Protein backbone atom coordinates (compact mmCIF):
# COMPACT_ATOMS: atom_id res chain seq x y z
CA MET A 1 -32.77 11.71 10.74
CA LEU A 2 -33.14 8.43 9.02
CA GLY A 3 -35.90 6.12 10.62
CA THR A 4 -37.78 9.20 11.83
CA LYS A 5 -41.65 8.99 11.02
CA HIS A 6 -42.94 11.87 8.99
CA ARG A 7 -46.27 13.67 9.74
CA VAL A 8 -48.10 14.91 6.59
CA GLN A 9 -50.83 17.51 6.78
CA HIS A 10 -52.86 18.79 3.72
CA SER A 11 -55.96 20.86 3.61
CA GLY A 12 -56.58 20.67 -0.23
CA LYS A 13 -59.68 19.16 -1.85
CA ASP A 14 -57.71 16.83 -4.26
CA SER A 15 -58.01 13.53 -2.49
CA ARG A 16 -56.08 11.75 -5.34
CA TRP A 17 -53.27 14.16 -4.80
CA LEU A 18 -53.39 13.62 -1.06
CA ARG A 19 -53.53 9.80 -1.43
CA ASP A 20 -50.46 9.77 -3.77
CA ARG A 21 -48.46 12.02 -1.48
CA LEU A 22 -49.18 9.94 1.55
CA LEU A 23 -48.27 6.72 -0.35
CA HIS A 24 -44.99 8.49 -1.60
CA GLU A 25 -44.12 9.76 1.89
CA SER A 26 -44.91 6.36 3.45
CA GLU A 27 -42.53 4.73 0.89
CA GLN A 28 -39.88 7.30 1.72
CA THR A 29 -40.31 6.49 5.37
CA ASN A 30 -39.97 2.75 4.63
CA ILE A 31 -36.84 3.17 2.75
CA ALA A 32 -35.42 5.34 5.42
CA GLU A 33 -36.27 2.68 8.11
CA ARG A 34 -34.71 0.06 6.03
CA LEU A 35 -31.53 2.10 5.55
CA ALA A 36 -31.42 2.70 9.29
CA ARG A 37 -31.60 -0.98 10.08
CA ILE A 38 -28.89 -1.87 7.51
CA PHE A 39 -26.58 0.82 8.93
CA GLU A 40 -27.37 -0.32 12.45
CA GLN A 41 -26.51 -3.81 11.41
CA LEU A 42 -23.14 -2.81 9.86
CA ALA A 43 -22.39 -0.51 12.91
CA ALA A 44 -22.75 -3.55 15.13
CA GLU A 45 -19.78 -5.04 13.36
CA SER A 46 -17.75 -1.98 13.59
CA GLY A 47 -16.05 -2.64 16.92
CA GLY A 48 -17.52 0.43 18.60
CA CYS A 49 -16.31 3.14 16.57
CA ASN A 50 -19.12 5.70 15.99
CA PHE A 51 -19.55 7.07 12.53
CA SER A 52 -22.12 8.77 10.38
CA VAL A 53 -23.73 8.26 6.95
CA LEU A 54 -24.95 11.27 4.88
CA LEU A 55 -27.04 10.51 1.78
CA TRP A 56 -27.66 12.63 -1.36
CA ASP A 57 -30.92 14.07 -0.05
CA GLY A 58 -29.44 15.40 3.04
CA SER A 59 -30.67 12.62 5.25
CA ARG A 60 -28.03 11.67 7.98
CA TRP A 61 -27.78 8.50 10.15
CA SER A 62 -25.33 8.17 13.06
CA SER A 63 -24.40 5.30 15.09
CA GLY A 64 -23.71 7.44 18.20
CA SER A 65 -22.40 10.89 19.25
CA ASN A 66 -18.90 12.00 18.55
CA SER A 67 -18.53 10.36 15.02
CA ARG A 68 -15.13 9.65 13.97
CA PHE A 69 -15.90 10.05 10.32
CA THR A 70 -18.88 10.54 8.01
CA ILE A 71 -19.54 8.43 4.87
CA VAL A 72 -20.99 10.63 2.27
CA ILE A 73 -23.03 8.73 -0.48
CA ARG A 74 -23.63 10.94 -3.42
CA SER A 75 -26.38 9.08 -5.33
CA PRO A 76 -28.85 6.41 -4.86
CA GLN A 77 -27.15 4.40 -7.80
CA THR A 78 -23.93 4.44 -5.64
CA LEU A 79 -25.78 2.99 -2.72
CA ARG A 80 -27.31 0.22 -4.84
CA ALA A 81 -23.90 -0.50 -6.36
CA ILE A 82 -22.39 -0.95 -2.90
CA LEU A 83 -25.16 -2.91 -1.26
CA THR A 84 -25.52 -5.16 -4.26
CA HIS A 85 -21.79 -6.36 -3.71
CA LEU A 86 -20.47 -5.20 -0.43
CA SER A 87 -16.63 -5.79 -1.02
CA GLU A 88 -13.42 -4.03 -0.42
CA LEU A 89 -12.77 -3.40 -4.01
CA ARG A 90 -16.29 -2.02 -4.63
CA LEU A 91 -15.96 0.47 -1.86
CA ALA A 92 -12.40 1.52 -2.78
CA GLU A 93 -13.51 2.24 -6.37
CA ALA A 94 -16.53 4.25 -5.08
CA TYR A 95 -14.11 6.36 -3.03
CA ILE A 96 -11.34 6.85 -5.62
CA PHE A 97 -13.90 7.82 -8.19
CA GLY A 98 -15.65 10.36 -5.81
CA ASP A 99 -18.98 8.50 -5.63
CA ILE A 100 -18.51 8.37 -1.76
CA GLU A 101 -16.50 10.82 0.35
CA ILE A 102 -14.96 10.22 3.74
CA GLU A 103 -15.14 13.28 5.93
CA GLY A 104 -13.09 13.03 9.01
CA ASP A 105 -10.68 10.16 10.09
CA LEU A 106 -9.80 8.20 7.01
CA ALA A 107 -7.71 5.78 8.83
CA ALA A 108 -10.56 4.95 11.41
CA ALA A 109 -12.89 4.59 8.28
CA VAL A 110 -10.56 1.96 6.65
CA SER A 111 -10.33 0.12 10.15
CA VAL A 112 -14.22 0.08 10.41
CA VAL A 113 -14.73 -1.20 6.81
CA GLU A 114 -12.12 -3.92 7.11
CA ARG A 115 -13.69 -5.19 10.26
CA ILE A 116 -17.14 -5.10 8.86
CA LEU A 117 -16.02 -6.93 5.72
CA THR A 118 -14.14 -9.59 7.72
CA ARG A 119 -16.66 -10.24 10.50
CA HIS A 120 -18.82 -13.41 10.06
CA HIS A 121 -22.08 -11.43 10.01
CA ASN A 122 -25.32 -12.88 8.72
CA GLY A 123 -25.42 -12.40 4.97
CA LEU A 124 -28.86 -13.70 4.45
CA GLU A 125 -30.22 -11.16 7.03
CA GLN A 126 -28.64 -8.30 5.12
CA ILE A 127 -30.05 -9.51 1.75
CA ARG A 128 -33.44 -9.67 3.33
CA LEU A 129 -33.07 -6.09 4.65
CA ALA A 130 -31.55 -4.74 1.48
CA LEU A 131 -33.64 -6.40 -1.17
CA PRO A 132 -36.85 -4.12 -1.02
CA LEU A 133 -34.46 -1.06 -0.88
CA LEU A 134 -32.55 -2.22 -3.97
CA LEU A 135 -35.76 -2.83 -5.94
CA SER A 136 -36.77 0.59 -5.31
CA ILE A 137 -33.52 2.30 -6.44
CA PRO A 138 -33.56 3.07 -10.13
CA THR A 139 -30.90 1.32 -12.17
CA THR A 140 -28.11 3.05 -14.34
CA GLU A 141 -25.93 1.59 -16.77
CA HIS A 142 -22.86 3.33 -15.56
CA ASN A 143 -21.97 5.48 -12.76
CA GLY A 144 -20.23 8.10 -15.10
CA HIS A 145 -16.67 7.25 -14.13
CA GLU A 146 -14.18 5.34 -16.11
CA ALA A 147 -11.92 2.96 -14.20
CA ALA A 148 -8.22 2.85 -15.11
CA PRO A 149 -6.95 -0.48 -13.84
CA ALA A 150 -3.63 -1.73 -15.04
CA HIS A 151 -3.72 -3.82 -18.21
CA LEU A 152 -0.32 -5.59 -18.56
CA PRO A 153 1.04 -7.70 -21.52
CA GLY A 154 2.43 -11.05 -21.43
CA ARG A 155 2.75 -13.88 -18.96
CA ILE A 156 2.85 -12.99 -15.32
CA HIS A 157 6.27 -12.12 -13.93
CA SER A 158 7.83 -12.46 -17.39
CA GLU A 159 10.55 -9.96 -18.10
CA ARG A 160 8.34 -7.94 -20.48
CA ARG A 161 5.37 -7.89 -18.10
CA ASP A 162 7.52 -6.80 -15.04
CA ARG A 163 8.71 -3.99 -16.96
CA ALA A 164 5.16 -3.01 -17.63
CA ALA A 165 4.24 -3.35 -13.98
CA ILE A 166 7.17 -1.32 -12.77
CA HIS A 167 6.35 1.41 -15.33
CA PHE A 168 2.58 1.38 -14.11
CA HIS A 169 3.75 2.28 -10.56
CA TYR A 170 7.10 3.83 -10.43
CA ASP A 171 7.00 5.92 -13.57
CA LEU A 172 3.94 7.71 -12.64
CA SER A 173 5.97 10.88 -12.12
CA ASN A 174 9.23 11.77 -10.32
CA ASP A 175 7.63 14.98 -9.54
CA PHE A 176 4.77 13.14 -8.02
CA TYR A 177 6.94 11.07 -5.56
CA ALA A 178 9.26 14.04 -4.78
CA ILE A 179 6.24 15.91 -3.29
CA TRP A 180 5.59 13.55 -0.38
CA LEU A 181 8.70 11.41 0.03
CA ASP A 182 11.77 12.50 1.98
CA LYS A 183 14.54 14.64 0.32
CA ARG A 184 16.38 11.56 -0.79
CA MET A 185 13.20 9.93 -2.25
CA VAL A 186 13.56 6.70 -0.41
CA TYR A 187 10.36 4.76 -1.11
CA SER A 188 10.48 2.08 1.53
CA CYS A 189 10.00 1.67 5.27
CA ALA A 190 12.16 4.14 7.30
CA TYR A 191 13.92 3.30 10.61
CA PHE A 192 12.68 5.42 13.69
CA GLU A 193 14.93 5.61 16.69
CA ASP A 194 12.27 7.79 18.16
CA GLU A 195 8.57 8.12 17.24
CA ARG A 196 9.00 11.84 16.90
CA ASP A 197 11.62 11.70 14.27
CA ASP A 198 11.00 13.46 10.92
CA LEU A 199 10.79 11.54 7.78
CA ASP A 200 14.15 12.87 6.41
CA LYS A 201 15.91 11.70 9.61
CA ALA A 202 14.13 8.37 9.83
CA GLN A 203 15.13 7.60 6.24
CA GLU A 204 18.83 8.49 6.68
CA GLN A 205 18.70 6.17 9.81
CA LYS A 206 17.38 3.38 7.66
CA LEU A 207 20.16 3.78 5.02
CA ASP A 208 22.76 3.71 7.89
CA HIS A 209 20.91 0.69 9.49
CA ILE A 210 21.37 -1.24 6.12
CA CYS A 211 24.94 -0.25 5.65
CA ARG A 212 25.71 -1.26 9.34
CA LYS A 213 24.03 -4.56 8.91
CA LEU A 214 25.92 -5.29 5.71
CA ARG A 215 29.11 -4.12 7.44
CA LEU A 216 30.30 -2.20 4.50
CA LYS A 217 33.80 -1.34 4.03
CA PRO A 218 35.80 1.01 1.89
CA GLY A 219 36.66 -0.52 -1.53
CA GLU A 220 33.89 -3.13 -1.38
CA ARG A 221 31.47 -3.69 -4.24
CA LEU A 222 27.88 -3.27 -3.30
CA LEU A 223 24.88 -4.06 -5.52
CA ASP A 224 21.21 -2.60 -4.90
CA VAL A 225 18.60 -4.68 -6.58
CA GLY A 226 15.68 -2.38 -7.34
CA CYS A 227 17.53 0.79 -6.40
CA GLY A 228 14.86 3.26 -6.83
CA TRP A 229 16.04 6.75 -7.11
CA GLY A 230 19.41 5.85 -5.87
CA GLY A 231 19.09 6.74 -2.16
CA LEU A 232 20.97 3.70 -0.73
CA ILE A 233 23.95 3.52 -3.31
CA ILE A 234 24.50 7.29 -3.16
CA HIS A 235 24.53 7.12 0.72
CA ALA A 236 26.76 4.07 0.63
CA ALA A 237 29.26 5.21 -1.78
CA ALA A 238 29.40 8.77 -0.25
CA ASN A 239 29.66 7.60 3.46
CA TYR A 240 31.14 4.10 3.41
CA GLY A 241 33.49 4.31 0.52
CA VAL A 242 31.98 1.40 -1.39
CA ARG A 243 31.76 0.96 -5.06
CA ALA A 244 28.05 0.88 -5.53
CA THR A 245 25.85 -0.33 -8.45
CA GLY A 246 22.04 0.00 -8.66
CA ILE A 247 19.55 -1.78 -10.91
CA THR A 248 16.05 -0.61 -11.66
CA LEU A 249 13.34 -1.50 -14.12
CA SER A 250 12.05 2.16 -14.06
CA ARG A 251 13.38 4.51 -16.63
CA GLU A 252 12.24 7.42 -14.58
CA GLN A 253 14.09 6.29 -11.58
CA ALA A 254 17.40 5.42 -13.56
CA ASN A 255 17.48 8.80 -15.12
CA LEU A 256 17.12 10.83 -11.85
CA ALA A 257 19.35 8.53 -9.91
CA ALA A 258 22.03 9.06 -12.53
CA ALA A 259 21.57 12.76 -12.34
CA ARG A 260 21.84 12.67 -8.49
CA ILE A 261 24.99 10.57 -8.66
CA GLN A 262 26.64 13.11 -11.04
CA ALA A 263 25.55 16.00 -8.83
CA ALA A 264 27.13 14.28 -5.82
CA GLY A 265 30.47 14.08 -7.50
CA ILE A 266 30.68 10.26 -6.99
CA SER A 267 30.37 8.87 -10.58
CA ASP A 268 33.68 7.14 -10.26
CA ARG A 269 32.52 4.75 -7.65
CA CYS A 270 28.66 4.85 -7.93
CA SER A 271 26.45 3.99 -10.98
CA VAL A 272 22.88 2.94 -12.00
CA GLU A 273 21.84 0.60 -14.43
CA PHE A 274 18.42 0.34 -16.28
CA GLY A 275 17.46 -3.22 -16.61
CA ASP A 276 16.21 -6.48 -15.22
CA TYR A 277 18.24 -8.05 -12.33
CA ARG A 278 17.97 -11.30 -14.10
CA GLU A 279 19.94 -10.17 -16.89
CA HIS A 280 22.66 -8.56 -14.86
CA ARG A 281 26.17 -9.93 -15.76
CA VAL A 282 29.37 -9.10 -13.98
CA SER A 283 33.01 -10.27 -14.38
CA GLU A 284 33.60 -9.89 -10.53
CA GLN A 285 30.98 -11.05 -7.85
CA TYR A 286 29.79 -8.53 -5.24
CA ASP A 287 30.90 -8.34 -1.80
CA LYS A 288 27.43 -7.25 -0.47
CA ILE A 289 24.05 -7.10 -2.07
CA ALA A 290 20.87 -5.38 -0.79
CA SER A 291 17.27 -5.44 -2.08
CA VAL A 292 14.97 -2.80 -0.47
CA GLY A 293 11.33 -2.83 -1.32
CA MET A 294 11.69 -4.80 -4.55
CA PHE A 295 11.00 -8.31 -3.24
CA GLU A 296 7.21 -7.66 -3.24
CA HIS A 297 7.20 -7.75 -7.13
CA VAL A 298 8.99 -11.02 -7.69
CA GLY A 299 5.99 -13.42 -6.98
CA GLU A 300 6.23 -16.64 -4.91
CA LYS A 301 6.73 -18.95 -7.94
CA HIS A 302 9.75 -16.91 -9.05
CA LEU A 303 11.35 -16.58 -5.57
CA PRO A 304 13.62 -19.50 -6.23
CA GLU A 305 15.00 -17.90 -9.27
CA TYR A 306 15.23 -14.57 -7.35
CA PHE A 307 17.39 -15.94 -4.61
CA ALA A 308 19.42 -18.01 -7.01
CA VAL A 309 20.34 -15.06 -9.17
CA VAL A 310 21.44 -13.11 -6.04
CA TYR A 311 23.35 -16.05 -4.73
CA ARG A 312 25.20 -16.29 -8.01
CA LEU A 313 26.06 -12.59 -8.03
CA LEU A 314 27.39 -12.64 -4.38
CA ARG A 315 31.04 -13.78 -3.58
CA ARG A 316 31.65 -16.63 -1.02
CA GLY A 317 31.49 -15.04 2.53
CA GLY A 318 29.53 -12.12 1.21
CA VAL A 319 26.18 -11.00 2.70
CA PHE A 320 22.69 -10.23 1.32
CA LEU A 321 20.19 -8.00 3.18
CA ASN A 322 16.60 -8.65 1.84
CA HIS A 323 14.20 -5.95 2.98
CA GLY A 324 10.52 -6.74 2.00
CA ILE A 325 6.95 -6.88 3.00
CA ALA A 326 5.49 -10.23 4.20
CA ALA A 327 1.88 -11.47 4.37
CA GLY A 328 0.80 -11.66 8.06
CA ARG A 329 -0.57 -14.58 9.88
CA ASP A 330 -4.14 -13.58 9.35
CA THR A 331 -3.92 -12.76 5.66
CA ALA A 332 -5.52 -15.27 3.57
CA GLU A 333 -3.60 -14.35 0.36
CA GLY A 334 -0.78 -12.22 -0.86
CA ARG A 335 -2.85 -10.18 -3.32
CA ASN A 336 -5.31 -7.30 -2.56
CA PRO A 337 -7.71 -6.80 -5.48
CA PHE A 338 -7.61 -2.98 -5.03
CA LEU A 339 -3.89 -2.65 -5.00
CA ALA A 340 -3.67 -5.20 -7.96
CA ARG A 341 -5.73 -3.20 -10.12
CA TYR A 342 -4.85 0.41 -9.42
CA VAL A 343 -1.53 0.48 -7.37
CA PHE A 344 0.73 -2.55 -7.57
CA PRO A 345 -0.14 -4.77 -10.47
CA ASP A 346 1.25 -8.29 -10.01
CA GLY A 347 2.52 -7.51 -6.57
CA GLU A 348 2.59 -10.66 -4.35
CA LEU A 349 3.32 -11.14 -0.73
CA VAL A 350 4.39 -14.31 1.08
CA PRO A 351 4.77 -15.33 4.83
CA ILE A 352 8.08 -14.92 6.17
CA HIS A 353 8.62 -18.59 6.65
CA THR A 354 8.19 -19.10 2.95
CA THR A 355 10.77 -16.56 2.16
CA LEU A 356 13.45 -18.04 4.61
CA SER A 357 12.82 -21.58 3.35
CA ILE A 358 13.32 -20.62 -0.29
CA ALA A 359 16.37 -18.51 0.66
CA GLU A 360 17.90 -21.53 2.45
CA SER A 361 17.12 -23.88 -0.53
CA ALA A 362 19.16 -21.38 -2.72
CA GLY A 363 22.19 -21.83 -0.46
CA PHE A 364 21.88 -18.91 1.87
CA GLU A 365 22.46 -19.25 5.60
CA VAL A 366 19.95 -16.98 7.51
CA ARG A 367 21.84 -14.87 10.00
CA ASP A 368 19.31 -12.38 11.32
CA VAL A 369 15.74 -11.53 10.95
CA GLU A 370 14.22 -8.12 12.11
CA SER A 371 10.58 -6.96 12.11
CA LEU A 372 10.05 -3.43 11.41
CA ARG A 373 6.35 -3.43 11.34
CA GLU A 374 5.59 -0.48 13.64
CA HIS A 375 8.28 1.51 11.75
CA TYR A 376 6.23 1.08 8.58
CA VAL A 377 3.09 2.32 10.28
CA LEU A 378 4.94 5.44 11.27
CA THR A 379 6.37 5.85 7.65
CA LEU A 380 3.12 5.37 5.98
CA ASP A 381 1.29 7.90 8.24
CA ARG A 382 4.01 10.50 7.51
CA TRP A 383 3.68 9.81 3.84
CA ARG A 384 -0.05 10.15 3.76
CA SER A 385 0.21 13.21 5.97
CA ARG A 386 2.60 14.92 3.51
CA LEU A 387 0.50 13.78 0.45
CA GLU A 388 -2.75 15.19 1.97
CA SER A 389 -1.17 18.57 2.93
CA GLN A 390 -0.15 19.04 -0.70
CA HIS A 391 -3.36 18.16 -2.41
CA ASP A 392 -3.42 21.14 -4.92
CA LYS A 393 0.26 20.68 -5.72
CA VAL A 394 -0.07 16.87 -6.23
CA CYS A 395 -3.23 17.59 -8.47
CA LYS A 396 -1.04 19.67 -10.81
CA VAL A 397 1.05 16.61 -11.42
CA VAL A 398 -1.70 13.76 -11.48
CA ASP A 399 -5.38 13.88 -11.58
CA GLU A 400 -7.80 13.83 -8.50
CA THR A 401 -8.43 10.11 -8.92
CA THR A 402 -4.78 9.20 -8.53
CA PHE A 403 -4.56 11.46 -5.58
CA ARG A 404 -7.54 9.64 -3.96
CA THR A 405 -6.17 6.31 -4.91
CA TRP A 406 -2.85 6.88 -3.21
CA LYS A 407 -4.37 8.55 -0.24
CA LEU A 408 -6.58 5.44 0.31
CA TYR A 409 -3.65 3.09 -0.57
CA LEU A 410 -1.39 4.57 2.11
CA ALA A 411 -4.08 4.64 4.87
CA GLY A 412 -4.99 1.00 4.11
CA CYS A 413 -1.38 -0.07 4.27
CA ALA A 414 -0.99 1.61 7.65
CA HIS A 415 -3.97 -0.19 8.92
CA ALA A 416 -2.70 -3.39 7.57
CA PHE A 417 0.60 -3.12 9.22
CA SER A 418 -0.83 -1.89 12.64
CA THR A 419 -3.14 -4.93 12.77
CA ARG A 420 -0.58 -7.55 11.66
CA ARG A 421 -2.01 -8.33 8.45
CA LEU A 422 1.34 -7.30 6.92
CA ASN A 423 4.78 -7.17 8.40
CA LEU A 424 8.11 -5.86 7.17
CA TYR A 425 11.27 -7.77 7.68
CA GLN A 426 14.96 -7.27 7.01
CA VAL A 427 16.56 -10.58 6.50
CA LEU A 428 20.31 -10.88 6.46
CA SER A 429 21.74 -13.91 4.94
CA SER A 430 25.33 -15.10 4.17
CA ASN A 431 26.92 -16.93 1.27
CA SER A 432 28.99 -18.88 3.87
CA GLY A 433 28.95 -22.44 2.09
CA SER A 434 29.38 -25.12 4.78
CA GLY A 435 32.17 -23.29 6.74
CA TRP A 436 32.85 -20.35 9.07
CA SER A 437 30.68 -17.36 8.15
CA ALA A 438 33.38 -14.71 8.93
CA LEU A 439 30.82 -12.64 10.49
CA PRO A 440 31.29 -10.93 14.01
CA LEU A 441 29.88 -13.11 16.99
CA THR A 442 27.68 -10.30 18.10
CA ARG A 443 25.64 -7.34 16.61
CA LYS A 444 27.34 -4.87 18.82
CA ASP A 445 28.81 -2.91 15.83
CA TRP A 446 25.38 -2.33 14.35
CA TYR A 447 24.54 -0.06 17.20
CA CYS A 448 27.79 1.08 18.51
CA SER A 449 29.86 3.75 16.59
């Protein structure tokens, strides 16, 4: 155990050897004691969750019995790198490249690390404890892993750069997403009428929930901005009789959506377009517009343009449903460095009040706001469970680093939603001008057949 005193016995005649051995073991004992004090201080910030640390030499430290998880640190250089700059990004990179492992409850580990990093602990005391240890660890120029963060061309949120950002995330592989998403490949928050609902059922309920909110009627024209693999437009065209069009910046998504539309036999009333919503031109405005899980890629500075474009495409009296993630009340900024580098380049989240204000400035009347925060926790947990259970299959499509990146991303997002750092809102707005909205007086029809 770390922190345990070692007793050394030697009956040899070589006093120099014995002295050097004693000095070495004394140094190792001091290092173990310093590590134990550092881990104890970090554990004090963990909120009472017991965990263990396993080092490269087999030494183990535990904060208590019944550890929820064990952090395995594979080399002294990894420990030095982490302690030199204890940050969410540094820890995430150590995990995705395999320099550390989390054995046990990954979600609990994410929660503990987030709490430690956000607590106002005494940084000077940690430096005092860690400095002698850091000086004793040999340096290396590199940990042996090559990071592969996103490198995007052009000005942020320009059409060229947005295409590159979408390609980085969504064109990873259709086969990859198909392994752990539902059968429709709906990559956004599901809607659970019961916590026991399976993912396929919950996603179908979400599609129906959106169609009911939009009050779709046969013959109406529906636009889905950022349509993914076509789940909503196919569902709406097949079950609500609308003429549905989807737009996506992902070539992989567009190709698969087109194939699915043809297979469903609804090509006469459903289509997908590969392109930028800002370039979309129509001769006839849409009756209803939805944007599901695309809003997070727009960026706060470009939200006025986003809502203005949608407002232009929507006929007078039409309604628009915006389904998107919002920064929570305790979220200092809308960008996470790990997600920005390895998952969602240029993704940006804003508080809900910012979204509503900009939508109203574009001419929309906000009619309904619904939080689905708990629904997203359930969705993310199911996604991660499916991903983890198919490790070997996933790693035939992508590499181990990508698998670990997405496993951590899904666990981290679930924690962020469960602790109100993030929220998910469906906002229904109307292009009603200054007159009567033509909407029903109640929401009864959303929930009654």
